[in-house]
Amino acid sequence: MSAPSASTNGLVDRLTTAQTQIPEAERRRILLDSAKQVGPAIFFSLVIIVVSFLPVFLLEAQEGRMFRPLAWTKTLAVGFSSVLAITLVPVLMVLFIRGRLTPESRNPLSRITQVVYLLVLRLCLRFRKTTLLLNLLFLVVTLPLALHIGSQFMPPLFEGSSLYMPTALPGISIAQASQLLQEQDKIIRTFPEVDTVFGSIGRSDSATDNAPLDMYDTTVMLKPRSQWRPGMTYEKLIQEMDAKLQFPGLSNTWTMPVENRLDMELTGIKTPLGLKIQGPNLEGVQQVGAHVQQILSAIPRCDPFLPSVFRKAFTSTSK
């Protein structure tokens, strides 16, 4: 229920109660008195809802980018609703609410919900120990789930597609880049889990995506999991694709479309974490990059496809 409708219901309930005791001639005064009576409670209840969304503004990184617009939208909507509930709604009630209102007790839907609620309430009060034990049982059942949640606020989401973004050496020609793109698409289409493949190279018409000619963007739409080979997972599929898409001078990067956009907005690169090495000569940068690659490859939880991204970064940031 929205904030304006909640405030209207509260005022209407107060008006209905008053009209059963006061004649119609005093309708205007009843409306204003009812608004004054329930207005502060409605206002502060909506303010509490606004305050409950304040922790969302403290989120950072990927979850902050995704949920902060929702928090702003909800906060502004409820905030303005709390103001309208004590300013505009009473005026509209005076203009539009006329005649004698039907009491809530005569509403069939309200009577049904009240009967069900009172039945459950009486049972809980009659068997209080059983009610407490059931609630404790549900709490105990959720403890194993809480232990497996982990520390990551928002785990990676399977989007049903993959984004293949290899990077070539600077100075590649248009003809060679087009040929490599066609060969990549042909190889990707050979996998039975792939539905469609769409690749692009170079700069698009958008000024916000000024990608160079050596950057490839290939969107791979995957079939439903029920049509995949038995035992095939997304990780295994990416590993098989990466093994067949090994071209000289290309550094493979695998991600997902939405995840990639969020990562690039947060870090400016294709991955959530990036390492930039600078040095006086290219040979020194390559040696340090190879050493870092060995260290990262030995980390069990490190993505196996990240070293290729780092290798490309090492060869392109020397000074």
C-alpha atoms as a PDB file:
ATOM      1  CA  MET A   1       0.000   0.000   0.000  1.00  0.00           C
ATOM      2  CA  SER A   2       1.382   3.404  -0.942  1.00  0.00           C
ATOM      3  CA  ALA A   3       1.847   6.251   1.491  1.00  0.00           C
ATOM      4  CA  PRO A   4      -1.003   8.488   0.200  1.00  0.00           C
ATOM      5  CA  SER A   5      -3.470   5.574   0.224  1.00  0.00           C
ATOM      6  CA  ALA A   6      -2.401   4.605   3.752  1.00  0.00           C
ATOM      7  CA  SER A   7      -2.955   8.124   5.005  1.00  0.00           C
ATOM      8  CA  THR A   8      -6.321   8.335   3.229  1.00  0.00           C
ATOM      9  CA  ASN A   9      -7.463   5.069   4.793  1.00  0.00           C
ATOM     10  CA  GLY A  10      -6.509   6.298   8.245  1.00  0.00           C
ATOM     11  CA  LEU A  11      -8.463   9.539   7.816  1.00  0.00           C
ATOM     12  CA  VAL A  12     -11.439   7.736   6.292  1.00  0.00           C
ATOM     13  CA  ASP A  13     -11.586   5.306   9.224  1.00  0.00           C
ATOM     14  CA  ARG A  14     -11.605   8.229  11.635  1.00  0.00           C
ATOM     15  CA  LEU A  15     -14.301   9.957   9.601  1.00  0.00           C
ATOM     16  CA  THR A  16     -16.492   6.839   9.465  1.00  0.00           C
ATOM     17  CA  THR A  17     -16.352   6.470  13.240  1.00  0.00           C
ATOM     18  CA  ALA A  18     -17.238  10.106  13.735  1.00  0.00           C
ATOM     19  CA  GLN A  19     -20.123  10.107  11.257  1.00  0.00           C
ATOM     20  CA  THR A  20     -21.943   7.392  13.142  1.00  0.00           C
ATOM     21  CA  GLN A  21     -22.261   9.796  16.070  1.00  0.00           C
ATOM     22  CA  ILE A  22     -22.328  13.334  14.538  1.00  0.00           C
ATOM     23  CA  PRO A  23     -24.863  14.701  12.001  1.00  0.00           C
ATOM     24  CA  GLU A  24     -23.958  15.418   8.363  1.00  0.00           C
ATOM     25  CA  ALA A  25     -24.020  19.200   8.895  1.00  0.00           C
ATOM     26  CA  GLU A  26     -20.740  19.049  10.767  1.00  0.00           C
ATOM     27  CA  ARG A  27     -18.993  17.017   8.047  1.00  0.00           C
ATOM     28  CA  ARG A  28     -16.359  19.651   7.313  1.00  0.00           C
ATOM     29  CA  ARG A  29     -15.370  20.055  10.929  1.00  0.00           C
ATOM     30  CA  ILE A  30     -15.251  16.290  11.373  1.00  0.00           C
ATOM     31  CA  LEU A  31     -12.882  15.949   8.417  1.00  0.00           C
ATOM     32  CA  LEU A  32     -10.498  18.596   9.704  1.00  0.00           C
ATOM     33  CA  ASP A  33     -10.548  17.216  13.245  1.00  0.00           C
ATOM     34  CA  SER A  34      -9.945  13.696  11.939  1.00  0.00           C
ATOM     35  CA  ALA A  35      -6.994  14.895   9.858  1.00  0.00           C
ATOM     36  CA  LYS A  36      -5.478  16.639  12.870  1.00  0.00           C
ATOM     37  CA  GLN A  37      -5.887  13.530  14.970  1.00  0.00           C
ATOM     38  CA  VAL A  38      -4.263  10.946  12.669  1.00  0.00           C
ATOM     39  CA  GLY A  39      -2.000  13.291  10.659  1.00  0.00           C
ATOM     40  CA  PRO A  40       1.010  13.300  13.036  1.00  0.00           C
ATOM     41  CA  ALA A  41       0.960   9.496  13.415  1.00  0.00           C
ATOM     42  CA  ILE A  42       0.835   9.002   9.644  1.00  0.00           C
ATOM     43  CA  PHE A  43       3.610  11.547   9.092  1.00  0.00           C
ATOM     44  CA  PHE A  44       6.035   9.970  11.556  1.00  0.00           C
ATOM     45  CA  SER A  45       5.283   6.442  10.343  1.00  0.00           C
ATOM     46  CA  LEU A  46       6.297   7.496   6.834  1.00  0.00           C
ATOM     47  CA  VAL A  47       9.401   9.201   8.182  1.00  0.00           C
ATOM     48  CA  ILE A  48      10.387   5.913   9.833  1.00  0.00           C
ATOM     49  CA  ILE A  49      10.175   4.201   6.436  1.00  0.00           C
ATOM     50  CA  VAL A  50      12.494   6.855   5.005  1.00  0.00           C
ATOM     51  CA  VAL A  51      15.010   6.346   7.820  1.00  0.00           C
ATOM     52  CA  SER A  52      14.974   2.564   7.251  1.00  0.00           C
ATOM     53  CA  PHE A  53      16.439   3.102   3.772  1.00  0.00           C
ATOM     54  CA  LEU A  54      19.419   5.118   5.004  1.00  0.00           C
ATOM     55  CA  PRO A  55      21.721   2.033   5.345  1.00  0.00           C
ATOM     56  CA  VAL A  56      21.333   1.408   1.612  1.00  0.00           C
ATOM     57  CA  PHE A  57      23.213   4.659   0.950  1.00  0.00           C
ATOM     58  CA  LEU A  58      26.219   3.200   2.773  1.00  0.00           C
ATOM     59  CA  LEU A  59      26.620   0.378   0.250  1.00  0.00           C
ATOM     60  CA  GLU A  60      29.670   0.632  -1.964  1.00  0.00           C
ATOM     61  CA  ALA A  61      31.109  -0.873  -5.150  1.00  0.00           C
ATOM     62  CA  GLN A  62      28.775  -2.974  -7.297  1.00  0.00           C
ATOM     63  CA  GLU A  63      25.905  -3.253  -4.816  1.00  0.00           C
ATOM     64  CA  GLY A  64      25.993   0.500  -4.214  1.00  0.00           C
ATOM     65  CA  ARG A  65      25.703   1.257  -7.912  1.00  0.00           C
ATOM     66  CA  MET A  66      22.733  -1.071  -8.255  1.00  0.00           C
ATOM     67  CA  PHE A  67      20.701  -0.308  -5.117  1.00  0.00           C
ATOM     68  CA  ARG A  68      21.423   3.378  -4.506  1.00  0.00           C
ATOM     69  CA  PRO A  69      19.022   4.552  -7.282  1.00  0.00           C
ATOM     70  CA  LEU A  70      16.298   2.407  -5.711  1.00  0.00           C
ATOM     71  CA  ALA A  71      16.997   3.947  -2.314  1.00  0.00           C
ATOM     72  CA  TRP A  72      16.837   7.475  -3.734  1.00  0.00           C
ATOM     73  CA  THR A  73      13.577   6.742  -5.557  1.00  0.00           C
ATOM     74  CA  LYS A  74      11.913   5.175  -2.526  1.00  0.00           C
ATOM     75  CA  THR A  75      13.189   7.850  -0.140  1.00  0.00           C
ATOM     76  CA  LEU A  76      12.019  10.758  -2.289  1.00  0.00           C
ATOM     77  CA  ALA A  77       8.645   9.127  -2.998  1.00  0.00           C
ATOM     78  CA  VAL A  78       7.908   8.366   0.653  1.00  0.00           C
ATOM     79  CA  GLY A  79       9.337  11.699   1.774  1.00  0.00           C
ATOM     80  CA  PHE A  80       7.030  13.706  -0.463  1.00  0.00           C
ATOM     81  CA  SER A  81       4.151  11.381   0.446  1.00  0.00           C
ATOM     82  CA  SER A  82       4.623  12.179   4.120  1.00  0.00           C
ATOM     83  CA  VAL A  83       4.329  15.878   3.318  1.00  0.00           C
ATOM     84  CA  LEU A  84       1.270  15.369   1.105  1.00  0.00           C
ATOM     85  CA  ALA A  85      -0.371  13.234   3.787  1.00  0.00           C
ATOM     86  CA  ILE A  86      -0.639  16.226   6.138  1.00  0.00           C
ATOM     87  CA  THR A  87      -1.148  18.985   3.562  1.00  0.00           C
ATOM     88  CA  LEU A  88      -2.911  17.885   0.368  1.00  0.00           C
ATOM     89  CA  VAL A  89      -4.849  14.801   1.510  1.00  0.00           C
ATOM     90  CA  PRO A  90      -7.015  16.646   4.100  1.00  0.00           C
ATOM     91  CA  VAL A  91      -7.946  19.260   1.487  1.00  0.00           C
ATOM     92  CA  LEU A  92      -8.907  16.594  -1.048  1.00  0.00           C
ATOM     93  CA  MET A  93     -11.005  14.814   1.566  1.00  0.00           C
ATOM     94  CA  VAL A  94     -12.997  17.956   2.207  1.00  0.00           C
ATOM     95  CA  LEU A  95     -13.640  18.319  -1.534  1.00  0.00           C
ATOM     96  CA  PHE A  96     -14.407  14.726  -2.536  1.00  0.00           C
ATOM     97  CA  ILE A  97     -15.618  12.772   0.499  1.00  0.00           C
ATOM     98  CA  ARG A  98     -19.346  13.422   0.783  1.00  0.00           C
ATOM     99  CA  GLY A  99     -22.367  11.563   1.984  1.00  0.00           C
ATOM    100  CA  ARG A 100     -22.458   8.816   4.550  1.00  0.00           C
ATOM    101  CA  LEU A 101     -19.607   6.310   4.454  1.00  0.00           C
ATOM    102  CA  THR A 102     -20.062   2.595   4.923  1.00  0.00           C
ATOM    103  CA  PRO A 103     -18.548   1.355   8.199  1.00  0.00           C
ATOM    104  CA  GLU A 104     -15.690  -1.106   7.958  1.00  0.00           C
ATOM    105  CA  SER A 105     -17.718  -3.754   9.756  1.00  0.00           C
ATOM    106  CA  ARG A 106     -20.104  -3.960   6.768  1.00  0.00           C
ATOM    107  CA  ASN A 107     -17.346  -4.587   4.237  1.00  0.00           C
ATOM    108  CA  PRO A 108     -17.371  -8.327   3.322  1.00  0.00           C
ATOM    109  CA  LEU A 109     -13.653  -8.440   2.584  1.00  0.00           C
ATOM    110  CA  SER A 110     -12.767  -6.749   5.864  1.00  0.00           C
ATOM    111  CA  ARG A 111     -15.018  -9.110   7.796  1.00  0.00           C
ATOM    112  CA  ILE A 112     -13.356 -12.177   6.236  1.00  0.00           C
ATOM    113  CA  THR A 113      -9.843 -10.927   6.989  1.00  0.00           C
ATOM    114  CA  GLN A 114     -10.828 -10.051  10.560  1.00  0.00           C
ATOM    115  CA  VAL A 115     -12.300 -13.524  11.142  1.00  0.00           C
ATOM    116  CA  VAL A 116      -9.124 -15.208   9.862  1.00  0.00           C
ATOM    117  CA  TYR A 117      -6.886 -12.911  11.890  1.00  0.00           C
ATOM    118  CA  LEU A 118      -8.847 -13.372  15.103  1.00  0.00           C
ATOM    119  CA  LEU A 119      -8.885 -17.155  14.625  1.00  0.00           C
ATOM    120  CA  VAL A 120      -5.106 -17.309  14.268  1.00  0.00           C
ATOM    121  CA  LEU A 121      -4.642 -14.896  17.156  1.00  0.00           C
ATOM    122  CA  ARG A 122      -6.850 -16.960  19.493  1.00  0.00           C
ATOM    123  CA  LEU A 123      -4.999 -20.159  18.589  1.00  0.00           C
ATOM    124  CA  CYS A 124      -1.624 -18.546  19.265  1.00  0.00           C
ATOM    125  CA  LEU A 125      -2.789 -17.172  22.602  1.00  0.00           C
ATOM    126  CA  ARG A 126      -4.362 -20.486  23.598  1.00  0.00           C
ATOM    127  CA  PHE A 127      -1.268 -22.530  22.741  1.00  0.00           C
ATOM    128  CA  ARG A 128       1.411 -20.049  23.691  1.00  0.00           C
ATOM    129  CA  LYS A 129       4.141 -22.559  24.438  1.00  0.00           C
ATOM    130  CA  THR A 130       3.596 -24.349  21.141  1.00  0.00           C
ATOM    131  CA  THR A 131       3.728 -21.043  19.280  1.00  0.00           C
ATOM    132  CA  LEU A 132       7.026 -20.100  20.911  1.00  0.00           C
ATOM    133  CA  LEU A 133       8.523 -23.542  20.227  1.00  0.00           C
ATOM    134  CA  LEU A 134       7.560 -23.364  16.540  1.00  0.00           C
ATOM    135  CA  ASN A 135       9.168 -19.950  16.194  1.00  0.00           C
ATOM    136  CA  LEU A 136      12.339 -21.168  17.897  1.00  0.00           C
ATOM    137  CA  LEU A 137      12.352 -24.224  15.626  1.00  0.00           C
ATOM    138  CA  PHE A 138      12.203 -22.059  12.511  1.00  0.00           C
ATOM    139  CA  LEU A 139      15.020 -19.933  13.915  1.00  0.00           C
ATOM    140  CA  VAL A 140      17.201 -22.987  14.483  1.00  0.00           C
ATOM    141  CA  VAL A 141      16.505 -24.253  10.946  1.00  0.00           C
ATOM    142  CA  THR A 142      17.771 -20.998   9.454  1.00  0.00           C
ATOM    143  CA  LEU A 143      21.082 -21.087  11.363  1.00  0.00           C
ATOM    144  CA  PRO A 144      22.816 -23.507   8.913  1.00  0.00           C
ATOM    145  CA  LEU A 145      21.737 -21.267   6.048  1.00  0.00           C
ATOM    146  CA  ALA A 146      23.199 -18.219   7.785  1.00  0.00           C
ATOM    147  CA  LEU A 147      26.549 -19.980   8.165  1.00  0.00           C
ATOM    148  CA  HIS A 148      26.759 -20.570   4.384  1.00  0.00           C
ATOM    149  CA  ILE A 149      25.830 -17.064   3.271  1.00  0.00           C
ATOM    150  CA  GLY A 150      29.425 -15.886   3.157  1.00  0.00           C
ATOM    151  CA  SER A 151      30.800 -12.380   3.375  1.00  0.00           C
ATOM    152  CA  GLN A 152      29.971 -11.249  -0.163  1.00  0.00           C
ATOM    153  CA  PHE A 153      26.952  -8.974  -0.204  1.00  0.00           C
ATOM    154  CA  MET A 154      25.888  -9.782  -3.753  1.00  0.00           C
ATOM    155  CA  PRO A 155      27.215 -13.049  -5.246  1.00  0.00           C
ATOM    156  CA  PRO A 156      27.789 -13.211  -9.014  1.00  0.00           C
ATOM    157  CA  LEU A 157      24.572 -13.642 -10.974  1.00  0.00           C
ATOM    158  CA  PHE A 158      24.336 -15.971 -13.950  1.00  0.00           C
ATOM    159  CA  GLU A 159      22.962 -13.756 -16.733  1.00  0.00           C
ATOM    160  CA  GLY A 160      22.390 -16.490 -19.308  1.00  0.00           C
ATOM    161  CA  SER A 161      25.017 -14.970 -21.582  1.00  0.00           C
ATOM    162  CA  SER A 162      28.730 -14.354 -21.745  1.00  0.00           C
ATOM    163  CA  LEU A 163      30.901 -11.527 -22.989  1.00  0.00           C
ATOM    164  CA  TYR A 164      34.147 -12.429 -24.747  1.00  0.00           C
ATOM    165  CA  MET A 165      36.478  -9.405 -24.801  1.00  0.00           C
ATOM    166  CA  PRO A 166      39.922 -10.254 -26.170  1.00  0.00           C
ATOM    167  CA  THR A 167      42.461  -7.493 -26.644  1.00  0.00           C
ATOM    168  CA  ALA A 168      44.944  -7.431 -29.527  1.00  0.00           C
ATOM    169  CA  LEU A 169      48.252  -5.639 -29.807  1.00  0.00           C
ATOM    170  CA  PRO A 170      48.051  -1.935 -30.736  1.00  0.00           C
ATOM    171  CA  GLY A 171      48.316  -1.118 -34.422  1.00  0.00           C
ATOM    172  CA  ILE A 172      46.343  -4.065 -35.772  1.00  0.00           C
ATOM    173  CA  SER A 173      44.854  -3.446 -39.232  1.00  0.00           C
ATOM    174  CA  ILE A 174      41.137  -3.392 -39.963  1.00  0.00           C
ATOM    175  CA  ALA A 175      41.392  -6.374 -42.318  1.00  0.00           C
ATOM    176  CA  GLN A 176      43.257  -8.503 -39.807  1.00  0.00           C
ATOM    177  CA  ALA A 177      40.924  -7.501 -36.975  1.00  0.00           C
ATOM    178  CA  SER A 178      37.863  -8.415 -39.056  1.00  0.00           C
ATOM    179  CA  GLN A 179      39.363 -11.763 -39.985  1.00  0.00           C
ATOM    180  CA  LEU A 180      40.131 -12.591 -36.361  1.00  0.00           C
ATOM    181  CA  LEU A 181      36.598 -11.615 -35.351  1.00  0.00           C
ATOM    182  CA  GLN A 182      35.055 -13.938 -37.933  1.00  0.00           C
ATOM    183  CA  GLU A 183      37.278 -16.830 -36.859  1.00  0.00           C
ATOM    184  CA  GLN A 184      36.378 -16.262 -33.223  1.00  0.00           C
ATOM    185  CA  ASP A 185      32.657 -16.277 -33.991  1.00  0.00           C
ATOM    186  CA  LYS A 186      32.964 -19.494 -36.008  1.00  0.00           C
ATOM    187  CA  ILE A 187      34.722 -21.268 -33.146  1.00  0.00           C
ATOM    188  CA  ILE A 188      32.199 -20.092 -30.557  1.00  0.00           C
ATOM    189  CA  ARG A 189      29.263 -21.263 -32.700  1.00  0.00           C
ATOM    190  CA  THR A 190      30.618 -24.829 -32.661  1.00  0.00           C
ATOM    191  CA  PHE A 191      29.673 -25.248 -28.996  1.00  0.00           C
ATOM    192  CA  PRO A 192      26.194 -26.796 -28.589  1.00  0.00           C
ATOM    193  CA  GLU A 193      25.434 -24.602 -25.564  1.00  0.00           C
ATOM    194  CA  VAL A 194      25.675 -21.427 -27.662  1.00  0.00           C
ATOM    195  CA  ASP A 195      22.515 -19.956 -29.152  1.00  0.00           C
ATOM    196  CA  THR A 196      23.697 -16.806 -30.936  1.00  0.00           C
ATOM    197  CA  VAL A 197      26.963 -14.899 -31.293  1.00  0.00           C
ATOM    198  CA  PHE A 198      27.377 -11.216 -32.094  1.00  0.00           C
ATOM    199  CA  GLY A 199      30.835  -9.668 -32.263  1.00  0.00           C
ATOM    200  CA  SER A 200      32.047  -6.138 -32.857  1.00  0.00           C
ATOM    201  CA  ILE A 201      35.385  -4.391 -33.073  1.00  0.00           C
ATOM    202  CA  GLY A 202      36.448  -0.785 -32.939  1.00  0.00           C
ATOM    203  CA  ARG A 203      34.547   2.299 -31.944  1.00  0.00           C
ATOM    204  CA  SER A 204      30.745   2.403 -31.867  1.00  0.00           C
ATOM    205  CA  ASP A 205      28.477   5.337 -32.664  1.00  0.00           C
ATOM    206  CA  SER A 206      28.250   6.198 -28.964  1.00  0.00           C
ATOM    207  CA  ALA A 207      30.697   8.822 -27.715  1.00  0.00           C
ATOM    208  CA  THR A 208      30.770   7.113 -24.296  1.00  0.00           C
ATOM    209  CA  ASP A 209      32.217   3.890 -25.740  1.00  0.00           C
ATOM    210  CA  ASN A 210      35.305   5.007 -27.605  1.00  0.00           C
ATOM    211  CA  ALA A 211      36.917   1.566 -27.820  1.00  0.00           C
ATOM    212  CA  PRO A 212      40.034   1.233 -29.982  1.00  0.00           C
ATOM    213  CA  LEU A 213      40.299  -1.107 -32.945  1.00  0.00           C
ATOM    214  CA  ASP A 214      42.256  -3.674 -30.939  1.00  0.00           C
ATOM    215  CA  MET A 215      39.379  -4.251 -28.501  1.00  0.00           C
ATOM    216  CA  TYR A 216      36.805  -6.935 -29.334  1.00  0.00           C
ATOM    217  CA  ASP A 217      33.292  -7.222 -27.887  1.00  0.00           C
ATOM    218  CA  THR A 218      31.566 -10.554 -28.574  1.00  0.00           C
ATOM    219  CA  THR A 219      28.231 -11.234 -26.879  1.00  0.00           C
ATOM    220  CA  VAL A 220      27.486 -14.945 -26.581  1.00  0.00           C
ATOM    221  CA  MET A 221      23.847 -15.820 -25.865  1.00  0.00           C
ATOM    222  CA  LEU A 222      23.582 -19.227 -24.223  1.00  0.00           C
ATOM    223  CA  LYS A 223      20.777 -21.761 -24.477  1.00  0.00           C
ATOM    224  CA  PRO A 224      18.789 -22.784 -21.376  1.00  0.00           C
ATOM    225  CA  ARG A 225      20.708 -25.059 -19.021  1.00  0.00           C
ATOM    226  CA  SER A 226      18.323 -27.915 -19.794  1.00  0.00           C
ATOM    227  CA  GLN A 227      19.754 -28.025 -23.345  1.00  0.00           C
ATOM    228  CA  TRP A 228      23.395 -28.179 -22.237  1.00  0.00           C
ATOM    229  CA  ARG A 229      25.516 -31.304 -22.328  1.00  0.00           C
ATOM    230  CA  PRO A 230      25.275 -33.532 -19.215  1.00  0.00           C
ATOM    231  CA  GLY A 231      27.619 -32.352 -16.484  1.00  0.00           C
ATOM    232  CA  MET A 232      28.407 -29.083 -18.233  1.00  0.00           C
ATOM    233  CA  THR A 233      28.679 -25.967 -16.070  1.00  0.00           C
ATOM    234  CA  TYR A 234      29.282 -22.345 -16.950  1.00  0.00           C
ATOM    235  CA  GLU A 235      32.853 -22.496 -15.654  1.00  0.00           C
ATOM    236  CA  LYS A 236      33.653 -25.615 -17.704  1.00  0.00           C
ATOM    237  CA  LEU A 237      32.114 -24.061 -20.795  1.00  0.00           C
ATOM    238  CA  ILE A 238      34.241 -20.922 -20.461  1.00  0.00           C
ATOM    239  CA  GLN A 239      37.351 -23.034 -19.958  1.00  0.00           C
ATOM    240  CA  GLU A 240      36.636 -25.022 -23.143  1.00  0.00           C
ATOM    241  CA  MET A 241      35.996 -21.845 -25.137  1.00  0.00           C
ATOM    242  CA  ASP A 242      39.120 -20.191 -23.816  1.00  0.00           C
ATOM    243  CA  ALA A 243      41.217 -23.237 -24.716  1.00  0.00           C
ATOM    244  CA  LYS A 244      40.042 -23.119 -28.352  1.00  0.00           C
ATOM    245  CA  LEU A 245      40.262 -19.332 -28.678  1.00  0.00           C
ATOM    246  CA  GLN A 246      44.010 -19.007 -28.313  1.00  0.00           C
ATOM    247  CA  PHE A 247      45.318 -16.622 -30.983  1.00  0.00           C
ATOM    248  CA  PRO A 248      48.823 -15.136 -31.097  1.00  0.00           C
ATOM    249  CA  GLY A 249      48.805 -11.559 -29.843  1.00  0.00           C
ATOM    250  CA  LEU A 250      45.355 -11.805 -28.227  1.00  0.00           C
ATOM    251  CA  SER A 251      44.678 -11.722 -24.466  1.00  0.00           C
ATOM    252  CA  ASN A 252      41.343 -13.310 -23.599  1.00  0.00           C
ATOM    253  CA  THR A 253      38.903 -11.845 -21.106  1.00  0.00           C
ATOM    254  CA  TRP A 254      35.639 -13.523 -20.099  1.00  0.00           C
ATOM    255  CA  THR A 255      32.839 -11.825 -18.195  1.00  0.00           C
ATOM    256  CA  MET A 256      29.099 -11.152 -18.474  1.00  0.00           C
ATOM    257  CA  PRO A 257      27.447  -8.113 -20.100  1.00  0.00           C
ATOM    258  CA  VAL A 258      25.862  -6.540 -17.011  1.00  0.00           C
ATOM    259  CA  GLU A 259      28.767  -7.486 -14.756  1.00  0.00           C
ATOM    260  CA  ASN A 260      31.226  -5.973 -17.231  1.00  0.00           C
ATOM    261  CA  ARG A 261      29.380  -2.658 -17.381  1.00  0.00           C
ATOM    262  CA  LEU A 262      29.301  -2.413 -13.606  1.00  0.00           C
ATOM    263  CA  ASP A 263      32.987  -3.317 -13.300  1.00  0.00           C
ATOM    264  CA  MET A 264      34.025  -0.771 -15.930  1.00  0.00           C
ATOM    265  CA  GLU A 265      31.937   1.919 -14.252  1.00  0.00           C
ATOM    266  CA  LEU A 266      33.498   1.179 -10.867  1.00  0.00           C
ATOM    267  CA  THR A 267      37.130   0.557 -11.792  1.00  0.00           C
ATOM    268  CA  GLY A 268      37.508   1.746 -15.393  1.00  0.00           C
ATOM    269  CA  ILE A 269      38.756  -1.699 -16.483  1.00  0.00           C
ATOM    270  CA  LYS A 270      37.144  -4.997 -17.424  1.00  0.00           C
ATOM    271  CA  THR A 271      37.508  -6.652 -14.019  1.00  0.00           C
ATOM    272  CA  PRO A 272      36.685  -5.723 -10.399  1.00  0.00           C
ATOM    273  CA  LEU A 273      40.418  -5.638  -9.535  1.00  0.00           C
ATOM    274  CA  GLY A 274      43.218  -4.260 -11.654  1.00  0.00           C
ATOM    275  CA  LEU A 275      46.980  -4.046 -11.352  1.00  0.00           C
ATOM    276  CA  LYS A 276      48.980  -1.441 -13.247  1.00  0.00           C
ATOM    277  CA  ILE A 277      52.760  -1.659 -13.487  1.00  0.00           C
ATOM    278  CA  GLN A 278      54.863   1.191 -14.854  1.00  0.00           C
ATOM    279  CA  GLY A 279      58.565   1.249 -15.541  1.00  0.00           C
ATOM    280  CA  PRO A 280      61.334   2.872 -17.588  1.00  0.00           C
ATOM    281  CA  ASN A 281      61.436   0.087 -20.210  1.00  0.00           C
ATOM    282  CA  LEU A 282      59.161  -2.570 -21.635  1.00  0.00           C
ATOM    283  CA  GLU A 283      61.436  -5.483 -20.743  1.00  0.00           C
ATOM    284  CA  GLY A 284      61.371  -4.655 -17.029  1.00  0.00           C
ATOM    285  CA  VAL A 285      57.601  -4.305 -17.050  1.00  0.00           C
ATOM    286  CA  GLN A 286      57.232  -7.686 -18.746  1.00  0.00           C
ATOM    287  CA  GLN A 287      59.491  -9.376 -16.184  1.00  0.00           C
ATOM    288  CA  VAL A 288      57.548  -7.953 -13.259  1.00  0.00           C
ATOM    289  CA  GLY A 289      54.288  -8.839 -14.999  1.00  0.00           C
ATOM    290  CA  ALA A 290      55.362 -12.456 -15.492  1.00  0.00           C
ATOM    291  CA  HIS A 291      56.329 -12.684 -11.819  1.00  0.00           C
ATOM    292  CA  VAL A 292      52.979 -11.262 -10.708  1.00  0.00           C
ATOM    293  CA  GLN A 293      51.197 -13.673 -13.050  1.00  0.00           C
ATOM    294  CA  GLN A 294      52.896 -16.638 -11.361  1.00  0.00           C
ATOM    295  CA  ILE A 295      51.879 -15.372  -7.940  1.00  0.00           C
ATOM    296  CA  LEU A 296      48.272 -14.829  -8.976  1.00  0.00           C
ATOM    297  CA  SER A 297      48.043 -18.214 -10.670  1.00  0.00           C
ATOM    298  CA  ALA A 298      49.025 -19.905  -7.405  1.00  0.00           C
ATOM    299  CA  ILE A 299      46.089 -18.336  -5.521  1.00  0.00           C
ATOM    300  CA  PRO A 300      43.286 -20.968  -5.304  1.00  0.00           C
ATOM    301  CA  ARG A 301      40.414 -18.468  -5.462  1.00  0.00           C
ATOM    302  CA  CYS A 302      41.892 -16.388  -8.274  1.00  0.00           C
ATOM    303  CA  ASP A 303      40.015 -16.426 -11.574  1.00  0.00           C
ATOM    304  CA  PRO A 304      42.090 -18.529 -14.016  1.00  0.00           C
ATOM    305  CA  PHE A 305      41.414 -16.052 -16.834  1.00  0.00           C
ATOM    306  CA  LEU A 306      42.682 -12.962 -15.030  1.00  0.00           C
ATOM    307  CA  PRO A 307      46.411 -13.512 -15.691  1.00  0.00           C
ATOM    308  CA  SER A 308      45.875 -13.025 -19.414  1.00  0.00           C
ATOM    309  CA  VAL A 309      44.257  -9.682 -18.708  1.00  0.00           C
ATOM    310  CA  PHE A 310      47.144  -8.666 -16.491  1.00  0.00           C
ATOM    311  CA  ARG A 311      49.637  -9.789 -19.117  1.00  0.00           C
ATOM    312  CA  LYS A 312      48.089  -7.416 -21.635  1.00  0.00           C
ATOM    313  CA  ALA A 313      48.119  -4.597 -19.092  1.00  0.00           C
ATOM    314  CA  PHE A 314      51.780  -5.150 -18.379  1.00  0.00           C
ATOM    315  CA  THR A 315      52.773  -4.836 -22.023  1.00  0.00           C
ATOM    316  CA  SER A 316      50.839  -1.629 -22.601  1.00  0.00           C
ATOM    317  CA  THR A 317      51.629   0.588 -19.620  1.00  0.00           C
ATOM    318  CA  SER A 318      55.384   0.962 -19.771  1.00  0.00           C
ATOM    319  CA  LYS A 319      56.877   4.449 -19.685  1.00  0.00           C
END
